Protein backbone atom coordinates (compact mmCIF):
# COMPACT_ATOMS: atom_id res chain seq x y z
CA UNK A 1 -32.25 -5.67 -22.90
CA UNK A 2 -35.04 -4.47 -20.67
CA UNK A 3 -36.22 -7.21 -18.30
CA UNK A 4 -39.24 -7.54 -16.09
CA UNK A 5 -38.88 -7.26 -12.33
CA UNK A 6 -39.50 -11.00 -12.06
CA UNK A 7 -36.76 -11.76 -14.57
CA UNK A 8 -34.31 -9.53 -12.75
CA UNK A 9 -35.16 -11.08 -9.38
CA UNK A 10 -34.69 -14.59 -10.69
CA UNK A 11 -31.41 -13.69 -12.33
CA UNK A 12 -30.14 -12.34 -9.00
CA UNK A 13 -31.30 -15.45 -7.12
CA UNK A 14 -29.76 -17.86 -9.59
CA UNK A 15 -26.49 -15.95 -9.82
CA UNK A 16 -25.87 -15.89 -6.06
CA UNK A 17 -22.78 -17.87 -5.17
CA UNK A 18 -22.21 -18.81 -8.82
CA UNK A 19 -20.81 -15.74 -10.53
CA UNK A 20 -18.78 -17.86 -12.95
CA UNK A 21 -21.96 -18.95 -14.77
CA UNK A 22 -23.76 -16.03 -16.45
CA UNK A 23 -27.51 -15.97 -15.84
CA UNK A 24 -29.59 -17.00 -18.85
CA UNK A 25 -26.62 -18.60 -20.67
CA UNK A 26 -25.69 -22.17 -21.36
CA UNK A 27 -23.61 -23.23 -18.33
CA UNK A 28 -19.91 -23.91 -18.74
CA UNK A 29 -20.19 -22.82 -22.40
CA UNK A 30 -22.41 -25.79 -23.15
CA UNK A 31 -23.96 -25.78 -26.62
CA UNK A 32 -27.62 -25.75 -27.53
CA UNK A 33 -28.91 -29.14 -28.66
CA UNK A 34 -32.36 -29.70 -30.12
CA UNK A 35 -32.67 -33.03 -28.26
CA UNK A 36 -32.63 -31.18 -24.93
CA UNK A 37 -34.46 -28.01 -25.99
CA UNK A 38 -37.10 -26.25 -23.93
CA UNK A 39 -39.82 -25.29 -26.41
CA UNK A 40 -42.59 -22.80 -25.58
CA UNK A 41 -45.68 -23.38 -27.72
CA UNK A 42 -48.26 -20.62 -28.01
CA UNK A 43 -51.32 -19.82 -30.09
CA UNK A 44 -50.50 -16.29 -31.20
CA UNK A 45 -54.10 -15.08 -31.03
CA UNK A 46 -54.35 -16.26 -27.41
CA UNK A 47 -51.07 -15.01 -25.94
CA UNK A 48 -50.57 -11.24 -25.83
CA UNK A 49 -52.34 -8.34 -27.54
CA UNK A 50 -49.96 -5.49 -28.39
CA UNK A 51 -52.10 -3.89 -31.12
CA UNK A 52 -55.88 -3.80 -30.53
CA UNK A 53 -56.29 -2.08 -33.92
CA UNK A 54 -55.81 -5.42 -35.72
CA UNK A 55 -58.13 -7.51 -33.54
CA UNK A 56 -60.76 -8.05 -36.27
CA UNK A 57 -59.62 -8.15 -39.90
CA UNK A 58 -61.37 -9.15 -43.16
CA UNK A 59 -64.82 -8.40 -41.73
CA UNK A 60 -64.57 -11.00 -38.99
CA UNK A 61 -66.85 -10.67 -35.98
CA UNK A 62 -66.97 -11.77 -32.36
CA UNK A 63 -69.93 -14.03 -33.03
CA UNK A 64 -68.26 -17.40 -32.50
CA UNK A 65 -69.06 -19.99 -29.87
CA UNK A 66 -67.24 -19.80 -26.52
CA UNK A 67 -63.47 -19.36 -27.15
CA UNK A 68 -63.94 -19.75 -30.93
CA UNK A 69 -63.69 -16.11 -32.11
CA UNK A 70 -60.48 -14.16 -32.51
CA UNK A 71 -59.38 -12.71 -29.15
CA UNK A 72 -56.72 -10.20 -30.22
CA UNK A 73 -53.34 -11.78 -29.57
CA UNK A 74 -50.76 -10.83 -32.19
CA UNK A 75 -47.17 -11.26 -33.32
CA UNK A 76 -46.19 -7.92 -31.79
CA UNK A 77 -47.46 -9.21 -28.46
CA UNK A 78 -45.11 -12.20 -28.62
CA UNK A 79 -42.22 -9.91 -29.53
CA UNK A 80 -42.97 -7.64 -26.58
CA UNK A 81 -42.78 -10.59 -24.21
CA UNK A 82 -39.43 -11.63 -25.70
CA UNK A 83 -38.11 -8.12 -25.11
CA UNK A 84 -39.40 -8.15 -21.53
CA UNK A 85 -37.36 -11.28 -20.88
CA UNK A 86 -40.39 -13.46 -20.19
CA UNK A 87 -39.12 -16.45 -22.16
CA UNK A 88 -35.53 -15.95 -21.04
CA UNK A 89 -36.64 -16.08 -17.42
CA UNK A 90 -38.27 -19.45 -18.08
CA UNK A 91 -35.09 -20.83 -19.66
CA UNK A 92 -36.87 -21.20 -22.98
CA UNK A 93 -34.56 -21.59 -25.95
CA UNK A 94 -37.18 -22.27 -28.66
CA UNK A 95 -40.54 -20.57 -29.32
CA UNK A 96 -43.06 -22.48 -31.47
CA UNK A 97 -45.75 -20.21 -32.92
CA UNK A 98 -49.01 -21.29 -34.51
CA UNK A 99 -49.24 -20.78 -38.30
CA UNK A 100 -49.31 -17.03 -39.07
CA UNK A 101 -50.55 -17.50 -42.66
CA UNK A 102 -53.73 -15.81 -43.83
CA UNK A 103 -56.76 -17.77 -42.63
CA UNK A 104 -60.33 -18.18 -43.84
CA UNK A 105 -62.08 -14.86 -43.69
CA UNK A 106 -65.41 -16.34 -42.66
CA UNK A 107 -66.49 -18.66 -39.88
CA UNK A 108 -67.85 -22.19 -40.05
CA UNK A 109 -69.33 -24.82 -37.74
CA UNK A 110 -67.67 -28.22 -37.58
CA UNK A 111 -70.17 -29.44 -35.02
CA UNK A 112 -68.75 -27.58 -32.03
CA UNK A 113 -70.23 -24.15 -32.68
CA UNK A 114 -69.37 -21.23 -34.94
CA UNK A 115 -65.57 -21.03 -35.26
CA UNK A 116 -62.89 -18.89 -36.88
CA UNK A 117 -59.35 -19.88 -37.84
CA UNK A 118 -57.68 -18.12 -34.91
CA UNK A 119 -55.52 -21.23 -34.40
CA UNK A 120 -53.83 -20.91 -37.78
CA UNK A 121 -54.74 -24.28 -39.30
CA UNK A 122 -57.33 -23.02 -41.81
CA UNK A 123 -55.13 -21.48 -44.51
CA UNK A 124 -56.60 -19.36 -47.28
CA UNK A 125 -53.27 -18.06 -48.62
CA UNK A 126 -49.99 -19.68 -47.52
CA UNK A 127 -48.02 -16.67 -48.81
CA UNK A 128 -49.62 -13.91 -46.69
CA UNK A 129 -49.48 -12.92 -43.04
CA UNK A 130 -52.94 -12.94 -41.47
CA UNK A 131 -53.88 -9.33 -40.76
CA UNK A 132 -55.40 -10.29 -37.41
CA UNK A 133 -51.89 -11.23 -36.26
CA UNK A 134 -49.96 -8.39 -37.85
CA UNK A 135 -47.73 -7.69 -40.83
CA UNK A 136 -44.63 -9.01 -42.55
CA UNK A 137 -42.63 -6.47 -40.56
CA UNK A 138 -44.07 -7.99 -37.37
CA UNK A 139 -42.95 -11.49 -38.40
CA UNK A 140 -39.46 -10.20 -39.14
CA UNK A 141 -39.22 -8.36 -35.85
CA UNK A 142 -40.39 -11.41 -33.89
CA UNK A 143 -37.77 -13.75 -35.39
CA UNK A 144 -34.98 -11.15 -35.26
CA UNK A 145 -35.80 -10.31 -31.64
CA UNK A 146 -35.90 -13.97 -30.65
CA UNK A 147 -32.52 -14.59 -32.26
CA UNK A 148 -31.06 -11.53 -30.54
CA UNK A 149 -32.12 -13.13 -27.24
CA UNK A 150 -30.60 -16.50 -28.12
CA UNK A 151 -33.98 -18.07 -28.86
CA UNK A 152 -34.79 -20.13 -31.95
CA UNK A 153 -38.24 -20.07 -33.58
CA UNK A 154 -40.29 -22.99 -34.92
CA UNK A 155 -42.95 -22.32 -37.56
CA UNK A 156 -46.05 -24.52 -37.53
CA UNK A 157 -46.78 -25.69 -41.10
CA UNK A 158 -49.67 -27.54 -42.74
CA UNK A 159 -49.18 -29.71 -45.84
CA UNK A 160 -52.41 -31.67 -45.44
CA UNK A 161 -55.27 -29.23 -45.94
CA UNK A 162 -56.52 -25.72 -46.57
CA UNK A 163 -59.30 -23.99 -44.62
CA UNK A 164 -62.89 -25.25 -44.65
CA UNK A 165 -65.20 -24.27 -47.48
CA UNK A 166 -67.38 -21.22 -46.76
CA UNK A 167 -69.23 -18.73 -48.95
CA UNK A 168 -66.27 -16.36 -48.62
CA UNK A 169 -63.65 -19.12 -48.85
CA UNK A 170 -64.38 -21.44 -51.80
CA UNK A 171 -62.57 -24.72 -52.32
CA UNK A 172 -59.62 -24.85 -54.69
CA UNK A 173 -60.01 -26.90 -57.92
CA UNK A 174 -60.41 -30.68 -57.69
CA UNK A 175 -56.88 -31.15 -59.05
CA UNK A 176 -55.70 -29.41 -55.87
CA UNK A 177 -58.00 -30.71 -53.14
CA UNK A 178 -60.65 -33.33 -52.36
CA UNK A 179 -63.55 -33.15 -49.93
CA UNK A 180 -64.32 -36.87 -49.76
CA UNK A 181 -64.08 -39.54 -48.62
CA UNK A 182 -63.67 -38.53 -44.97
CA UNK A 183 -60.88 -40.39 -43.15
CA UNK A 184 -61.83 -43.43 -41.04
CA UNK A 185 -58.26 -44.32 -39.95
CA UNK A 186 -58.56 -48.04 -40.60
CA UNK A 187 -55.35 -48.26 -42.64
CA UNK A 188 -52.97 -46.06 -44.66
CA UNK A 189 -55.46 -45.33 -47.45
CA UNK A 190 -58.24 -44.30 -45.06
CA UNK A 191 -55.78 -42.08 -43.18
CA UNK A 192 -54.00 -40.43 -46.12
CA UNK A 193 -56.22 -40.50 -49.21
CA UNK A 194 -59.11 -38.66 -47.59
CA UNK A 195 -60.34 -35.47 -45.97
CA UNK A 196 -59.40 -35.28 -42.28
CA UNK A 197 -62.91 -34.11 -41.32
CA UNK A 198 -66.04 -33.16 -43.23
CA UNK A 199 -65.67 -29.97 -45.30
CA UNK A 200 -61.89 -29.68 -44.74
CA UNK A 201 -60.29 -29.76 -48.22
CA UNK A 202 -57.48 -32.34 -48.37
CA UNK A 203 -54.53 -31.17 -50.47
CA UNK A 204 -53.85 -33.72 -53.21
CA UNK A 205 -50.31 -34.53 -52.08
CA UNK A 206 -50.65 -37.75 -54.11
CA UNK A 207 -51.11 -35.89 -57.40
CA UNK A 208 -47.96 -35.79 -59.54
CA UNK A 209 -49.53 -33.99 -62.49
CA UNK A 210 -48.91 -30.32 -63.20
CA UNK A 211 -51.66 -27.99 -62.01
CA UNK A 212 -52.37 -24.33 -62.56
CA UNK A 213 -52.71 -21.86 -59.71
CA UNK A 214 -56.18 -21.81 -58.09
CA UNK A 215 -58.23 -19.04 -59.79
CA UNK A 216 -59.21 -17.56 -56.42
CA UNK A 217 -55.52 -17.20 -55.53
CA UNK A 218 -54.73 -15.66 -58.93
CA UNK A 219 -57.53 -13.10 -58.48
CA UNK A 220 -56.40 -12.32 -54.93
CA UNK A 221 -52.78 -11.79 -55.93
CA UNK A 222 -53.76 -9.59 -58.87
CA UNK A 223 -55.92 -7.47 -56.60
CA UNK A 224 -52.98 -7.14 -54.21
CA UNK A 225 -50.62 -6.23 -57.06
CA UNK A 226 -48.20 -9.14 -56.64
CA UNK A 227 -49.33 -11.73 -59.16
CA UNK A 228 -46.41 -11.25 -61.55
CA UNK A 229 -43.85 -11.45 -58.74
CA UNK A 230 -45.36 -14.61 -57.26
CA UNK A 231 -45.50 -16.33 -60.67
CA UNK A 232 -41.91 -15.34 -61.45
CA UNK A 233 -40.74 -16.84 -58.15
CA UNK A 234 -42.69 -20.05 -58.78
CA UNK A 235 -41.20 -20.37 -62.27
CA UNK A 236 -37.70 -19.97 -60.82
CA UNK A 237 -38.41 -22.52 -58.06
CA UNK A 238 -39.66 -25.23 -60.42
CA UNK A 239 -36.80 -24.60 -62.86
CA UNK A 240 -34.20 -24.78 -60.06
CA UNK A 241 -35.57 -27.88 -58.36
CA UNK A 242 -36.89 -29.84 -61.32
CA UNK A 243 -40.01 -30.72 -59.31
CA UNK A 244 -43.26 -31.16 -61.24
CA UNK A 245 -45.83 -28.42 -60.78
CA UNK A 246 -47.87 -30.71 -58.53
CA UNK A 247 -49.86 -29.29 -55.59
CA UNK A 248 -47.47 -30.40 -52.84
CA UNK A 249 -44.49 -28.65 -54.42
CA UNK A 250 -46.29 -25.33 -54.61
CA UNK A 251 -47.07 -25.61 -50.89
CA UNK A 252 -43.47 -26.62 -50.10
CA UNK A 253 -42.19 -23.56 -51.93
CA UNK A 254 -44.57 -21.31 -50.03
CA UNK A 255 -43.55 -22.75 -46.66
CA UNK A 256 -39.84 -22.52 -47.48
CA UNK A 257 -40.26 -18.85 -48.40
CA UNK A 258 -40.98 -18.09 -44.73
CA UNK A 259 -37.62 -19.62 -43.85
CA UNK A 260 -35.67 -17.85 -46.58
CA UNK A 261 -37.26 -14.50 -45.83
CA UNK A 262 -37.41 -14.46 -42.02
CA UNK A 263 -34.97 -17.10 -40.77
CA UNK A 264 -37.28 -19.56 -39.00
CA UNK A 265 -35.06 -22.27 -37.52
CA UNK A 266 -37.38 -25.21 -38.01
CA UNK A 267 -40.86 -26.52 -38.72
CA UNK A 268 -43.44 -28.30 -36.63
CA UNK A 269 -45.38 -30.41 -39.12
CA UNK A 270 -49.13 -30.59 -38.57
CA UNK A 271 -51.27 -33.70 -39.30
CA UNK A 272 -48.17 -35.51 -40.55
CA UNK A 273 -49.56 -39.06 -40.74
CA UNK A 274 -52.31 -37.82 -43.05
CA UNK A 275 -49.90 -37.34 -45.96
CA UNK A 276 -47.43 -39.62 -47.70
CA UNK A 277 -44.23 -39.71 -45.56
CA UNK A 278 -42.03 -38.76 -48.52
CA UNK A 279 -43.76 -35.39 -48.74
CA UNK A 280 -41.97 -34.32 -45.58
CA UNK A 281 -38.59 -35.55 -46.78
CA UNK A 282 -38.89 -33.27 -49.81
CA UNK A 283 -40.05 -30.41 -47.61
CA UNK A 284 -37.01 -30.88 -45.37
CA UNK A 285 -34.72 -30.60 -48.41
CA UNK A 286 -36.41 -27.46 -49.73
CA UNK A 287 -36.56 -25.79 -46.30
CA UNK A 288 -32.95 -26.69 -45.48
CA UNK A 289 -31.76 -25.00 -48.66
CA UNK A 290 -33.80 -21.93 -47.75
CA UNK A 291 -32.32 -21.90 -44.25
CA UNK A 292 -28.78 -22.01 -45.57
CA UNK A 293 -29.62 -19.16 -47.94
CA UNK A 294 -30.94 -17.09 -45.03
CA UNK A 295 -27.88 -17.81 -42.88
CA UNK A 296 -25.53 -16.74 -45.68
CA UNK A 297 -27.52 -13.54 -46.16
CA UNK A 298 -27.74 -12.82 -42.41
CA UNK A 299 -24.47 -13.89 -40.79
CA UNK A 300 -24.92 -11.57 -37.81
CA UNK A 301 -28.39 -12.95 -36.97
CA UNK A 302 -27.75 -16.69 -37.16
CA UNK A 303 -27.48 -18.74 -33.97
CA UNK A 304 -24.56 -21.07 -34.55
CA UNK A 305 -24.43 -23.46 -37.47
CA UNK A 306 -27.42 -25.68 -36.71
CA UNK A 307 -29.10 -27.57 -39.50
CA UNK A 308 -32.76 -26.90 -40.22
CA UNK A 309 -34.88 -28.79 -37.68
CA UNK A 310 -38.25 -30.51 -38.03
CA UNK A 311 -40.55 -32.07 -35.45
CA UNK A 312 -43.84 -33.77 -36.23
CA UNK A 313 -47.36 -34.18 -34.96
CA UNK A 314 -47.99 -37.85 -35.72
CA UNK A 315 -51.14 -38.17 -33.68
CA UNK A 316 -50.87 -40.86 -30.96
CA UNK A 317 -47.15 -41.48 -31.54
CA UNK A 318 -45.38 -42.61 -28.35
CA UNK A 319 -41.68 -42.65 -27.50
CA UNK A 320 -42.25 -46.35 -26.86
CA UNK A 321 -43.02 -46.89 -30.57
CA UNK A 322 -39.40 -46.21 -31.52
CA UNK A 323 -38.91 -45.67 -35.24
CA UNK A 324 -42.00 -47.56 -36.44
CA UNK A 325 -45.47 -46.00 -36.24
CA UNK A 326 -48.43 -48.31 -36.80
CA UNK A 327 -50.67 -46.98 -39.58
CA UNK A 328 -53.05 -49.94 -39.05
CA UNK A 329 -53.80 -52.54 -41.68
CA UNK A 330 -50.40 -54.17 -41.15
CA UNK A 331 -48.44 -51.14 -42.40
CA UNK A 332 -45.85 -49.09 -40.50
CA UNK A 333 -44.22 -45.75 -41.28
CA UNK A 334 -40.79 -44.44 -40.27
CA UNK A 335 -41.21 -40.66 -40.14
CA UNK A 336 -37.67 -40.22 -38.79
CA UNK A 337 -36.43 -41.52 -42.16
CA UNK A 338 -38.58 -38.93 -43.92
CA UNK A 339 -37.20 -35.60 -42.81
CA UNK A 340 -38.03 -35.48 -39.11
CA UNK A 341 -35.48 -35.06 -36.34
CA UNK A 342 -38.14 -35.44 -33.66
CA UNK A 343 -41.73 -36.53 -33.10
CA UNK A 344 -44.14 -35.18 -30.51
CA UNK A 345 -44.58 -37.75 -27.74
CA UNK A 346 -48.31 -38.14 -27.13
CA UNK A 347 -47.86 -40.63 -24.30
CA UNK A 348 -46.21 -38.23 -21.82
CA UNK A 349 -49.62 -37.20 -20.46
CA UNK A 350 -50.18 -40.84 -19.44
CA UNK A 351 -46.59 -41.73 -18.61
CA UNK A 352 -46.41 -38.80 -16.16
CA UNK A 353 -48.57 -40.88 -13.82
CA UNK A 354 -45.58 -43.21 -13.33
CA UNK A 355 -42.89 -42.82 -10.67
CA UNK A 356 -39.96 -40.58 -11.46
CA UNK A 357 -37.59 -43.49 -12.01
CA UNK A 358 -39.97 -45.50 -14.18
CA UNK A 359 -40.64 -42.46 -16.34
CA UNK A 360 -37.06 -41.24 -16.62
CA UNK A 361 -35.32 -44.57 -17.10
CA UNK A 362 -37.88 -45.73 -19.67
CA UNK A 363 -37.47 -42.61 -21.77
CA UNK A 364 -33.68 -42.72 -21.53
CA UNK A 365 -33.58 -46.33 -22.71
CA UNK A 366 -35.79 -45.53 -25.69
CA UNK A 367 -33.86 -42.39 -26.68
CA UNK A 368 -30.49 -44.08 -26.34
CA UNK A 369 -31.68 -47.30 -27.95
CA UNK A 370 -34.17 -47.49 -30.84
CA UNK A 371 -34.29 -43.68 -31.17
CA UNK A 372 -30.58 -42.94 -30.84
CA UNK A 373 -29.71 -39.96 -33.01
CA UNK A 374 -33.28 -38.63 -32.84
CA UNK A 375 -35.52 -37.24 -30.13
CA UNK A 376 -39.08 -36.67 -28.94
CA UNK A 377 -40.92 -33.56 -27.80
CA UNK A 378 -42.70 -34.23 -24.48
CA UNK A 379 -45.71 -32.30 -23.20
CA UNK A 380 -48.21 -32.40 -20.34
CA UNK A 381 -50.84 -30.27 -22.09
CA UNK A 382 -51.41 -29.03 -25.63
CA UNK A 383 -53.87 -27.28 -27.92
CA UNK A 384 -55.66 -30.40 -29.15
CA UNK A 385 -55.10 -33.19 -26.62
CA UNK A 386 -58.36 -33.39 -24.73
CA UNK A 387 -56.80 -35.40 -21.91
CA UNK A 388 -54.02 -33.26 -20.42
CA UNK A 389 -52.15 -34.60 -17.40
CA UNK A 390 -53.53 -31.98 -15.01
CA UNK A 391 -56.39 -29.94 -16.52
CA UNK A 392 -57.39 -28.23 -13.27
CA UNK A 393 -53.76 -27.62 -12.21
CA UNK A 394 -54.00 -29.47 -8.90
CA UNK A 395 -50.66 -31.21 -9.55
CA UNK A 396 -48.92 -28.25 -11.14
CA UNK A 397 -45.52 -28.56 -9.41
CA UNK A 398 -45.32 -32.27 -10.14
CA UNK A 399 -46.24 -31.57 -13.78
CA UNK A 400 -43.37 -29.12 -14.12
CA UNK A 401 -40.86 -31.39 -12.43
CA UNK A 402 -41.69 -34.43 -14.53
CA UNK A 403 -41.85 -32.58 -17.84
CA UNK A 404 -38.72 -30.50 -17.36
CA UNK A 405 -36.59 -33.32 -15.99
CA UNK A 406 -37.73 -36.08 -18.37
CA UNK A 407 -35.25 -37.15 -21.06
CA UNK A 408 -36.11 -35.56 -24.39
CA UNK A 409 -37.09 -32.05 -25.43
CA UNK A 410 -39.79 -30.34 -23.33
CA UNK A 411 -42.80 -28.45 -24.71
CA UNK A 412 -44.30 -25.90 -22.36
CA UNK A 413 -47.82 -25.09 -23.55
CA UNK A 414 -48.62 -21.45 -22.87
CA UNK A 415 -50.02 -21.15 -19.37
CA UNK A 416 -48.56 -24.39 -18.01
CA UNK A 417 -46.26 -22.17 -15.99
CA UNK A 418 -49.07 -19.91 -14.75
CA UNK A 419 -51.67 -22.60 -13.98
CA UNK A 420 -54.00 -21.54 -16.82
CA UNK A 421 -56.98 -23.84 -16.22
CA UNK A 422 -57.90 -26.09 -19.14
CA UNK A 423 -61.57 -26.54 -18.32
CA UNK A 424 -63.70 -23.53 -19.30
CA UNK A 425 -67.46 -23.43 -18.78
CA UNK A 426 -69.34 -23.36 -22.07
CA UNK A 427 -66.34 -24.23 -24.24
CA UNK A 428 -66.86 -27.31 -26.41
CA UNK A 429 -64.10 -29.63 -27.66
CA UNK A 430 -60.56 -28.33 -28.03
CA UNK A 431 -61.71 -24.74 -27.40
CA UNK A 432 -61.51 -25.42 -23.66
CA UNK A 433 -57.74 -25.82 -24.05
CA UNK A 434 -57.36 -22.47 -25.79
CA UNK A 435 -58.34 -19.68 -23.42
CA UNK A 436 -56.39 -16.41 -23.40
CA UNK A 437 -53.12 -16.40 -21.47
CA UNK A 438 -53.83 -15.67 -17.79
CA UNK A 439 -51.43 -12.77 -17.30
CA UNK A 440 -53.64 -11.35 -14.57
CA UNK A 441 -53.22 -14.45 -12.38
CA UNK A 442 -49.45 -14.06 -12.57
CA UNK A 443 -49.54 -10.33 -11.86
CA UNK A 444 -51.95 -10.79 -8.93
CA UNK A 445 -50.17 -13.90 -7.61
CA UNK A 446 -53.51 -15.70 -7.65
CA UNK A 447 -54.31 -18.53 -5.27
CA UNK A 448 -54.70 -22.00 -6.74
CA UNK A 449 -55.01 -25.47 -5.17
CA UNK A 450 -52.77 -24.86 -2.18
CA UNK A 451 -50.21 -22.67 -3.93
CA UNK A 452 -49.68 -19.26 -5.51
CA UNK A 453 -49.25 -18.74 -9.25
CA UNK A 454 -46.01 -16.76 -8.85
CA UNK A 455 -44.50 -19.58 -6.80
CA UNK A 456 -45.36 -22.04 -9.56
CA UNK A 457 -43.89 -19.71 -12.18
CA UNK A 458 -40.66 -19.49 -10.19
CA UNK A 459 -40.54 -23.30 -9.97
CA UNK A 460 -40.84 -23.58 -13.77
CA UNK A 461 -38.19 -20.88 -14.18
CA UNK A 462 -35.65 -22.64 -11.99
CA UNK A 463 -36.16 -25.92 -13.82
CA UNK A 464 -35.97 -24.11 -17.15
CA UNK A 465 -32.73 -22.34 -16.26
CA UNK A 466 -31.23 -25.67 -15.28
CA UNK A 467 -32.27 -27.28 -18.58
CA UNK A 468 -30.94 -24.35 -20.58
CA UNK A 469 -27.59 -24.39 -18.83
CA UNK A 470 -27.13 -28.16 -19.19
CA UNK A 471 -27.88 -30.21 -22.32
CA UNK A 472 -27.39 -33.34 -20.19
CA UNK A 473 -30.80 -32.79 -18.57
CA UNK A 474 -32.79 -33.50 -21.73
CA UNK A 475 -30.20 -35.10 -24.01
CA UNK A 476 -28.06 -37.06 -21.55
CA UNK A 477 -28.08 -40.72 -20.47
CA UNK A 478 -30.04 -41.33 -17.28
CA UNK A 479 -28.66 -43.26 -14.29
CA UNK A 480 -30.27 -43.70 -10.89
CA UNK A 481 -27.77 -43.12 -8.07
CA UNK A 482 -29.94 -43.53 -4.97
CA UNK A 483 -33.51 -44.64 -4.37
CA UNK A 484 -33.91 -42.66 -1.12
CA UNK A 485 -33.69 -39.77 -1.43
CA UNK A 486 -34.36 -40.32 -5.11
CA UNK A 487 -31.19 -39.21 -6.88
CA UNK A 488 -30.14 -39.55 -10.50
CA UNK A 489 -27.38 -38.45 -12.86
CA UNK A 490 -27.48 -37.46 -16.52
CA UNK A 491 -24.37 -37.55 -18.67
CA UNK A 492 -24.04 -36.05 -22.14
CA UNK A 493 -21.12 -36.39 -24.53
CA UNK A 494 -20.92 -35.47 -28.19
CA UNK A 495 -18.11 -34.27 -30.45
CA UNK A 496 -15.85 -33.51 -27.51
CA UNK A 497 -18.56 -31.73 -25.52
CA UNK A 498 -19.23 -33.18 -22.07
CA UNK A 499 -21.85 -32.24 -19.53
CA UNK A 500 -23.05 -33.94 -16.34
CA UNK A 501 -25.70 -33.16 -13.74
CA UNK A 502 -27.14 -34.73 -10.60
CA UNK A 503 -30.71 -34.22 -9.38
CA UNK A 504 -32.23 -35.19 -6.05
CA UNK A 505 -36.00 -35.09 -5.53
CA UNK A 506 -38.39 -35.48 -2.60
CA UNK A 507 -35.82 -34.37 -0.05
CA UNK A 508 -37.03 -33.87 3.55
CA UNK A 509 -38.55 -30.36 3.64
CA UNK A 510 -36.77 -27.75 5.72
CA UNK A 511 -33.75 -29.96 6.35
CA UNK A 512 -30.42 -29.81 4.46
CA UNK A 513 -29.68 -33.34 3.21
CA UNK A 514 -26.43 -34.80 1.86
CA UNK A 515 -26.77 -35.93 -1.77
CA UNK A 516 -24.66 -38.60 -3.44
CA UNK A 517 -22.71 -37.36 -6.47
CA UNK A 518 -20.04 -40.08 -6.58
CA UNK A 519 -18.97 -40.98 -10.10
CA UNK A 520 -20.19 -37.64 -11.43
CA UNK A 521 -18.39 -34.93 -9.46
CA UNK A 522 -15.05 -35.23 -7.67
CA UNK A 523 -14.20 -34.51 -4.07
CA UNK A 524 -12.97 -30.94 -3.76
CA UNK A 525 -15.05 -29.63 -6.67
CA UNK A 526 -17.44 -26.73 -6.09
CA UNK A 527 -20.86 -27.36 -7.58
CA UNK A 528 -24.00 -25.29 -7.81
CA UNK A 529 -27.62 -25.98 -6.95
CA UNK A 530 -29.61 -24.34 -9.73
CA UNK A 531 -32.78 -24.43 -7.66
CA UNK A 532 -31.50 -22.27 -4.82
CA UNK A 533 -28.49 -20.63 -6.46
CA UNK A 534 -26.22 -21.84 -3.63
CA UNK A 535 -22.85 -23.56 -4.05
CA UNK A 536 -21.16 -26.26 -2.00
CA UNK A 537 -18.02 -28.41 -1.94
CA UNK A 538 -18.07 -32.12 -2.77
CA UNK A 539 -16.66 -34.28 0.04
CA UNK A 540 -16.62 -38.06 0.38
CA UNK A 541 -18.74 -38.45 -2.74
CA UNK A 542 -21.54 -36.27 -1.36
CA UNK A 543 -22.61 -32.67 -1.34
CA UNK A 544 -24.94 -30.77 0.98
CA UNK A 545 -26.49 -27.38 0.32
CA UNK A 546 -27.62 -24.98 2.99
CA UNK A 547 -31.24 -25.12 1.87
CA UNK A 548 -34.42 -26.82 2.95
CA UNK A 549 -35.87 -27.20 -0.55
CA UNK A 550 -37.35 -30.53 -1.58
CA UNK A 551 -35.09 -30.73 -4.64
CA UNK A 552 -31.57 -29.85 -5.70
CA UNK A 553 -30.42 -29.42 -9.31
CA UNK A 554 -26.66 -29.87 -9.33
CA UNK A 555 -24.16 -28.87 -11.98
CA UNK A 556 -21.18 -26.62 -12.53
């Protein structure tokens, strides 16, 4: 594996004094657990451009509003960064990519300026790879390369809608989609039985009657010479499953094909609360069967024996809601009982304003109480949350520390680690969150608000390596040990696997400080500080590292 100079330097720093723990591996042979995963979410078109020849496909132009045209990022660009060791350096063990399916060919204006489907949520054909992003071979190489580097891949999927209607992208038949009424979110009916926004066709996931393929899709497949094959596969799917030929089951089959063909390890469900919850339970069943088929066919490529994983975007869900999400109108939905192992935690951007202990203890109580057996995916910024914790990156180190040390899985949004600013002049709405990855700032070690970008990146990397080595960080039970300096333990135990860590924050700068580890590590044991790479011996229930850093991340 060829690694970047930064990756090699970090590996050397982290390995110093701790040769028994291989760099970039789970420490002490600890297993990967989804509940403690570090997930890197990227919009493929905005991340890395490896092939400029595919920047504009299907007659698309660069005539969109600010940050609303395609910008050239592609699947091969993501793969190149995996090979460079970029994600490995950050301790990332899951990459979540935006939907790579073929998007609307034309642009439209939803009220924020002329826009294209660079984000992946405006599907035209769920069975094709969008040519702007690459080819089927590029998808295969991305997933295979990620697996070869010990990284799982989440595929973003949409069950709720197709792309907007344009002259080049007509709506599917009324048996398949509806364009009205538009959702008002007053209760379940006005959240589910409606179009999410004006001119966005809502897939009739409520329709149980058999439907024929949309004529535009039939014509497209015939032109591409694959109509007979696609129909044969659909016939076999419906015969095998016994599902009616209703719209939602076609879409489930198409999504599951990506798993069976390429080996995606899980789904992130988009706009989940805008469909009937049971839709996702059926999708989980279909995708899980596809995943097992892929693992049997590719025994050398599989990463362990994990089950297929699904996390959900239930907009405005909070870890504090537990299992029950309020749909308004006196109705609640339990999405965990309908196929999901995890929900995205929308309240982290607000909760991060709390003290460390309030944040950490609250999340631990929720995850080990009402949510026991499930998890949440925390974030501090994302592609569609207009109120990120730190849009101008003035609190970038604090953001990293709170996200990466909070109980639950952590979602790094591309550029969190490089201080990509989330306020762009001229960009309207969510476009301001979706600028191209700021590789130049990292390469030039750009100055930010009192810090350098490379120093921030190193901070994220050290926290990420610690999380990757120790499932206890994200999946363990939290316990405060000392209030000053603030010190806590996390303990994880499952099926005979045990892992424990101690973290101390806000230590006096430039001064080695003894840290309490009593009840976690024994006197005479040698432990490692994952932040500095140094080791030290536990004595009298405390340990002190020869470092003046403001934090220590302690484990074996």
